Amino acid sequence: VQLVESGGGLVQPGGSLRLSCAAFGFDFSAHDMNWYRQAPGKERELVAEINGGGGITDYANAVKGRFTISRDNAKKMVFLQMNSLKPDDTAVYYCNTYYFTDYWGQGTQVTVSS
């Protein structure tokens, strides 16, 4: 199992970014996928989750209405569209799935700053 994130970067407050995660080595469409983030000095927190079929999603209260999780099962990819970004969204963002154990990508840095 391998998860590879991309799409992070530096953005001004109010801006947008789209994170991508490519998945390898498991039956992608059969598994829920998650985005987590970890800010400096803080614990890793769940940001968004999506079920295998893509029809059920859930979000942390801090990002509801601003972030959208989606997936493309044909391409084995999951996405996180982040709009109206705030400095508090600054963190390393990780793609995650559970397949007998937790698997994590390497993370992608998102920095929101003017």
N, C-alpha and C. Protein backbone atom coordinates (compact mmCIF):
# COMPACT_ATOMS: atom_id res chain seq x y z
N VAL A 1 0.85 -1.19 0.00
CA VAL A 1 0.00 0.00 0.00
C VAL A 1 0.89 1.24 0.00
N GLN A 2 0.57 2.16 -0.87
CA GLN A 2 1.32 3.41 -0.93
C GLN A 2 0.36 4.55 -1.21
N LEU A 3 0.53 5.65 -0.49
CA LEU A 3 -0.25 6.86 -0.69
C LEU A 3 0.71 8.01 -0.95
N VAL A 4 0.46 8.78 -2.01
CA VAL A 4 1.38 9.86 -2.40
C VAL A 4 0.58 11.14 -2.57
N GLU A 5 0.83 12.11 -1.67
CA GLU A 5 0.12 13.39 -1.73
C GLU A 5 0.88 14.39 -2.59
N SER A 6 0.14 15.35 -3.11
CA SER A 6 0.73 16.47 -3.83
C SER A 6 -0.24 17.65 -3.76
N GLY A 7 0.27 18.83 -4.12
CA GLY A 7 -0.60 19.98 -4.23
C GLY A 7 -0.47 21.03 -3.15
N GLY A 8 0.36 20.78 -2.15
CA GLY A 8 0.53 21.77 -1.10
C GLY A 8 1.32 22.97 -1.59
N GLY A 9 1.43 23.98 -0.72
CA GLY A 9 2.18 25.16 -1.09
C GLY A 9 1.88 26.33 -0.18
N LEU A 10 2.34 27.50 -0.60
CA LEU A 10 2.11 28.74 0.13
C LEU A 10 0.98 29.50 -0.54
N VAL A 11 0.01 29.92 0.25
CA VAL A 11 -1.14 30.65 -0.29
C VAL A 11 -1.52 31.76 0.68
N GLN A 12 -2.05 32.85 0.16
CA GLN A 12 -2.49 33.96 1.01
C GLN A 12 -3.83 33.63 1.66
N PRO A 13 -4.11 34.22 2.79
CA PRO A 13 -5.43 34.04 3.41
C PRO A 13 -6.53 34.37 2.42
N GLY A 14 -7.56 33.52 2.43
CA GLY A 14 -8.66 33.66 1.48
C GLY A 14 -8.46 32.91 0.18
N GLY A 15 -7.27 32.40 -0.03
CA GLY A 15 -6.97 31.68 -1.25
C GLY A 15 -7.42 30.23 -1.23
N SER A 16 -7.09 29.52 -2.30
CA SER A 16 -7.51 28.13 -2.46
C SER A 16 -6.33 27.24 -2.85
N LEU A 17 -6.44 25.99 -2.49
CA LEU A 17 -5.50 24.95 -2.92
C LEU A 17 -6.28 23.67 -3.11
N ARG A 18 -5.76 22.81 -3.99
CA ARG A 18 -6.35 21.49 -4.17
C ARG A 18 -5.27 20.45 -3.94
N LEU A 19 -5.47 19.63 -2.93
CA LEU A 19 -4.56 18.54 -2.64
C LEU A 19 -5.02 17.27 -3.36
N SER A 20 -4.04 16.48 -3.79
CA SER A 20 -4.33 15.20 -4.43
C SER A 20 -3.59 14.08 -3.71
N CYS A 21 -4.16 12.90 -3.75
CA CYS A 21 -3.52 11.73 -3.16
C CYS A 21 -3.72 10.56 -4.13
N ALA A 22 -2.63 10.01 -4.60
CA ALA A 22 -2.68 8.83 -5.47
C ALA A 22 -2.46 7.58 -4.63
N ALA A 23 -3.27 6.56 -4.87
CA ALA A 23 -3.23 5.35 -4.06
C ALA A 23 -2.77 4.16 -4.89
N PHE A 24 -1.98 3.30 -4.26
CA PHE A 24 -1.43 2.13 -4.94
C PHE A 24 -1.49 0.92 -4.00
N GLY A 25 -1.79 -0.25 -4.57
CA GLY A 25 -1.57 -1.49 -3.84
C GLY A 25 -2.73 -2.05 -3.07
N PHE A 26 -3.93 -1.51 -3.26
CA PHE A 26 -5.09 -2.08 -2.58
C PHE A 26 -6.34 -1.76 -3.41
N ASP A 27 -7.44 -2.40 -3.04
CA ASP A 27 -8.71 -2.21 -3.75
C ASP A 27 -9.29 -0.86 -3.36
N PHE A 28 -8.90 0.17 -4.08
CA PHE A 28 -9.17 1.55 -3.68
C PHE A 28 -10.66 1.80 -3.46
N SER A 29 -11.49 1.38 -4.37
CA SER A 29 -12.91 1.73 -4.30
C SER A 29 -13.63 1.07 -3.13
N ALA A 30 -12.99 0.10 -2.50
CA ALA A 30 -13.61 -0.61 -1.38
C ALA A 30 -13.28 0.02 -0.04
N HIS A 31 -12.48 1.07 -0.04
CA HIS A 31 -11.99 1.63 1.22
C HIS A 31 -12.32 3.10 1.38
N ASP A 32 -12.71 3.44 2.61
CA ASP A 32 -12.84 4.85 2.96
C ASP A 32 -11.48 5.51 2.87
N MET A 33 -11.48 6.80 2.55
CA MET A 33 -10.24 7.58 2.50
C MET A 33 -10.40 8.82 3.36
N ASN A 34 -9.31 9.24 3.96
CA ASN A 34 -9.34 10.36 4.89
C ASN A 34 -8.22 11.34 4.61
N TRP A 35 -8.46 12.59 4.95
CA TRP A 35 -7.42 13.61 5.02
C TRP A 35 -7.26 14.03 6.48
N TYR A 36 -6.03 14.02 6.95
CA TYR A 36 -5.68 14.52 8.27
C TYR A 36 -4.74 15.70 8.10
N ARG A 37 -4.55 16.45 9.18
CA ARG A 37 -3.53 17.48 9.17
C ARG A 37 -2.89 17.56 10.56
N GLN A 38 -1.64 18.04 10.55
CA GLN A 38 -0.93 18.23 11.80
C GLN A 38 -0.18 19.55 11.75
N ALA A 39 -0.57 20.46 12.64
CA ALA A 39 0.08 21.75 12.76
C ALA A 39 1.22 21.64 13.77
N PRO A 40 2.21 22.53 13.69
CA PRO A 40 3.34 22.47 14.62
C PRO A 40 2.86 22.52 16.08
N GLY A 41 3.34 21.57 16.89
CA GLY A 41 3.00 21.54 18.30
C GLY A 41 1.62 21.01 18.62
N LYS A 42 0.89 20.53 17.59
CA LYS A 42 -0.46 20.03 17.82
C LYS A 42 -0.56 18.58 17.38
N GLU A 43 -1.61 17.91 17.87
CA GLU A 43 -1.84 16.53 17.47
C GLU A 43 -2.43 16.47 16.06
N ARG A 44 -2.21 15.34 15.41
CA ARG A 44 -2.81 15.13 14.10
C ARG A 44 -4.33 15.05 14.26
N GLU A 45 -5.04 15.72 13.36
CA GLU A 45 -6.50 15.75 13.45
C GLU A 45 -7.14 15.37 12.13
N LEU A 46 -8.30 14.72 12.22
CA LEU A 46 -9.07 14.34 11.04
C LEU A 46 -9.73 15.58 10.45
N VAL A 47 -9.54 15.79 9.16
CA VAL A 47 -10.10 16.94 8.48
C VAL A 47 -11.35 16.56 7.69
N ALA A 48 -11.25 15.48 6.92
CA ALA A 48 -12.36 15.09 6.06
C ALA A 48 -12.26 13.60 5.76
N GLU A 49 -13.41 12.98 5.51
CA GLU A 49 -13.45 11.56 5.18
C GLU A 49 -14.50 11.32 4.11
N ILE A 50 -14.26 10.26 3.33
CA ILE A 50 -15.18 9.91 2.25
C ILE A 50 -15.26 8.40 2.15
N ASN A 51 -16.46 7.88 1.91
CA ASN A 51 -16.60 6.43 1.85
C ASN A 51 -16.14 5.91 0.49
N GLY A 52 -16.13 4.60 0.36
CA GLY A 52 -15.57 4.00 -0.84
C GLY A 52 -16.27 4.41 -2.13
N GLY A 53 -17.58 4.52 -2.05
CA GLY A 53 -18.35 4.90 -3.22
C GLY A 53 -18.35 6.39 -3.52
N GLY A 54 -17.93 7.17 -2.55
CA GLY A 54 -17.85 8.62 -2.74
C GLY A 54 -19.11 9.38 -2.39
N GLY A 55 -20.16 8.67 -1.97
CA GLY A 55 -21.42 9.34 -1.72
C GLY A 55 -21.62 9.86 -0.31
N ILE A 56 -20.72 9.48 0.59
CA ILE A 56 -20.85 9.90 1.99
C ILE A 56 -19.55 10.59 2.41
N THR A 57 -19.70 11.81 2.89
CA THR A 57 -18.54 12.57 3.33
C THR A 57 -18.82 13.17 4.71
N ASP A 58 -17.76 13.51 5.40
CA ASP A 58 -17.88 14.18 6.69
C ASP A 58 -16.66 15.06 6.89
N TYR A 59 -16.84 16.12 7.68
CA TYR A 59 -15.81 17.13 7.84
C TYR A 59 -15.66 17.55 9.29
N ALA A 60 -14.46 17.96 9.63
CA ALA A 60 -14.26 18.61 10.92
C ALA A 60 -15.00 19.94 10.93
N ASN A 61 -15.50 20.33 12.08
CA ASN A 61 -16.25 21.58 12.16
C ASN A 61 -15.44 22.77 11.66
N ALA A 62 -14.13 22.73 11.89
CA ALA A 62 -13.29 23.87 11.53
C ALA A 62 -13.21 24.12 10.02
N VAL A 63 -13.55 23.10 9.22
CA VAL A 63 -13.40 23.25 7.76
C VAL A 63 -14.72 23.11 7.02
N LYS A 64 -15.80 22.83 7.72
CA LYS A 64 -17.11 22.67 7.04
C LYS A 64 -17.47 23.93 6.28
N GLY A 65 -17.92 23.73 5.05
CA GLY A 65 -18.30 24.85 4.21
C GLY A 65 -17.15 25.45 3.43
N ARG A 66 -15.92 25.07 3.77
CA ARG A 66 -14.75 25.60 3.06
C ARG A 66 -13.98 24.53 2.30
N PHE A 67 -13.95 23.32 2.84
CA PHE A 67 -13.21 22.21 2.23
C PHE A 67 -14.18 21.20 1.63
N THR A 68 -13.77 20.57 0.54
CA THR A 68 -14.56 19.52 -0.09
C THR A 68 -13.66 18.34 -0.43
N ILE A 69 -14.03 17.16 0.07
CA ILE A 69 -13.31 15.94 -0.26
C ILE A 69 -14.04 15.23 -1.39
N SER A 70 -13.27 14.66 -2.31
CA SER A 70 -13.86 13.91 -3.42
C SER A 70 -12.88 12.81 -3.83
N ARG A 71 -13.35 11.92 -4.67
CA ARG A 71 -12.49 10.83 -5.12
C ARG A 71 -12.83 10.44 -6.54
N ASP A 72 -11.85 9.87 -7.22
CA ASP A 72 -12.01 9.33 -8.56
C ASP A 72 -11.55 7.88 -8.49
N ASN A 73 -12.47 6.95 -8.38
CA ASN A 73 -12.10 5.55 -8.20
C ASN A 73 -11.43 4.97 -9.44
N ALA A 74 -11.77 5.47 -10.61
CA ALA A 74 -11.12 4.97 -11.83
C ALA A 74 -9.64 5.31 -11.84
N LYS A 75 -9.30 6.48 -11.29
CA LYS A 75 -7.90 6.92 -11.25
C LYS A 75 -7.23 6.59 -9.92
N LYS A 76 -7.99 6.04 -8.98
CA LYS A 76 -7.47 5.71 -7.64
C LYS A 76 -6.86 6.95 -6.99
N MET A 77 -7.64 8.01 -6.96
CA MET A 77 -7.18 9.25 -6.37
C MET A 77 -8.25 9.85 -5.48
N VAL A 78 -7.79 10.56 -4.45
CA VAL A 78 -8.68 11.31 -3.58
C VAL A 78 -8.17 12.75 -3.54
N PHE A 79 -9.10 13.69 -3.40
CA PHE A 79 -8.77 15.10 -3.49
C PHE A 79 -9.31 15.86 -2.28
N LEU A 80 -8.69 16.98 -1.99
CA LEU A 80 -9.21 17.89 -0.98
C LEU A 80 -9.14 19.30 -1.55
N GLN A 81 -10.30 19.83 -1.90
CA GLN A 81 -10.39 21.21 -2.37
C GLN A 81 -10.55 22.11 -1.16
N MET A 82 -9.63 23.04 -1.00
CA MET A 82 -9.62 23.92 0.17
C MET A 82 -9.81 25.35 -0.28
N ASN A 83 -10.90 25.95 0.13
CA ASN A 83 -11.21 27.34 -0.22
C ASN A 83 -11.23 28.20 1.04
N SER A 84 -11.19 29.51 0.84
CA SER A 84 -11.24 30.46 1.95
C SER A 84 -10.24 30.09 3.04
N LEU A 85 -9.04 29.82 2.63
CA LEU A 85 -8.03 29.35 3.57
C LEU A 85 -7.67 30.41 4.60
N LYS A 86 -7.39 29.93 5.81
CA LYS A 86 -7.05 30.78 6.94
C LYS A 86 -5.66 30.41 7.45
N PRO A 87 -4.99 31.33 8.15
CA PRO A 87 -3.69 30.97 8.73
C PRO A 87 -3.76 29.72 9.63
N ASP A 88 -4.89 29.51 10.30
CA ASP A 88 -5.03 28.33 11.16
C ASP A 88 -5.08 27.02 10.37
N ASP A 89 -5.22 27.10 9.05
CA ASP A 89 -5.19 25.89 8.23
C ASP A 89 -3.77 25.45 7.92
N THR A 90 -2.79 26.25 8.31
CA THR A 90 -1.39 25.89 8.08
C THR A 90 -1.05 24.60 8.81
N ALA A 91 -0.56 23.62 8.06
CA ALA A 91 -0.27 22.30 8.63
C ALA A 91 0.33 21.41 7.54
N VAL A 92 0.82 20.27 7.95
CA VAL A 92 1.14 19.20 7.00
C VAL A 92 -0.12 18.36 6.85
N TYR A 93 -0.53 18.15 5.61
CA TYR A 93 -1.75 17.40 5.32
C TYR A 93 -1.38 16.00 4.85
N TYR A 94 -2.07 15.00 5.43
CA TYR A 94 -1.79 13.60 5.15
C TYR A 94 -3.02 12.89 4.61
N CYS A 95 -2.80 12.06 3.64
CA CYS A 95 -3.80 11.14 3.13
C CYS A 95 -3.71 9.85 3.95
N ASN A 96 -4.86 9.24 4.23
CA ASN A 96 -4.87 8.06 5.10
C ASN A 96 -5.94 7.07 4.66
N THR A 97 -5.65 5.79 4.86
CA THR A 97 -6.66 4.76 4.73
C THR A 97 -6.35 3.64 5.71
N TYR A 98 -7.35 2.83 6.00
CA TYR A 98 -7.16 1.70 6.90
C TYR A 98 -7.35 0.42 6.08
N TYR A 99 -6.31 -0.40 6.02
CA TYR A 99 -6.34 -1.68 5.29
C TYR A 99 -5.57 -2.65 6.16
N PHE A 100 -6.23 -3.25 7.11
CA PHE A 100 -5.66 -4.11 8.16
C PHE A 100 -4.83 -3.29 9.14
N THR A 101 -4.31 -2.18 8.72
CA THR A 101 -3.62 -1.24 9.59
C THR A 101 -3.73 0.14 8.93
N ASP A 102 -3.36 1.17 9.67
CA ASP A 102 -3.38 2.51 9.09
C ASP A 102 -2.21 2.71 8.12
N TYR A 103 -2.51 3.32 6.99
CA TYR A 103 -1.47 3.73 6.05
C TYR A 103 -1.53 5.24 5.86
N TRP A 104 -0.34 5.84 5.74
CA TRP A 104 -0.21 7.29 5.62
C TRP A 104 0.68 7.65 4.45
N GLY A 105 0.36 8.76 3.81
CA GLY A 105 1.27 9.30 2.85
C GLY A 105 2.41 10.04 3.55
N GLN A 106 3.28 10.65 2.74
CA GLN A 106 4.44 11.36 3.29
C GLN A 106 4.06 12.74 3.78
N GLY A 107 2.89 13.22 3.41
CA GLY A 107 2.43 14.54 3.81
C GLY A 107 2.81 15.62 2.82
N THR A 108 1.99 16.66 2.78
CA THR A 108 2.27 17.81 1.93
C THR A 108 2.01 19.08 2.76
N GLN A 109 2.96 20.00 2.72
CA GLN A 109 2.88 21.20 3.55
C GLN A 109 1.95 22.23 2.92
N VAL A 110 1.04 22.74 3.74
CA VAL A 110 0.17 23.85 3.36
C VAL A 110 0.46 25.01 4.30
N THR A 111 0.84 26.13 3.74
CA THR A 111 1.14 27.32 4.54
C THR A 111 0.25 28.46 4.06
N VAL A 112 -0.53 29.00 4.99
CA VAL A 112 -1.44 30.11 4.68
C VAL A 112 -0.89 31.35 5.39
N SER A 113 -0.38 32.27 4.59
CA SER A 113 0.27 33.45 5.17
C SER A 113 0.32 34.57 4.15
N SER A 114 0.24 35.79 4.65
CA SER A 114 0.37 36.95 3.77
C SER A 114 1.81 37.44 3.74
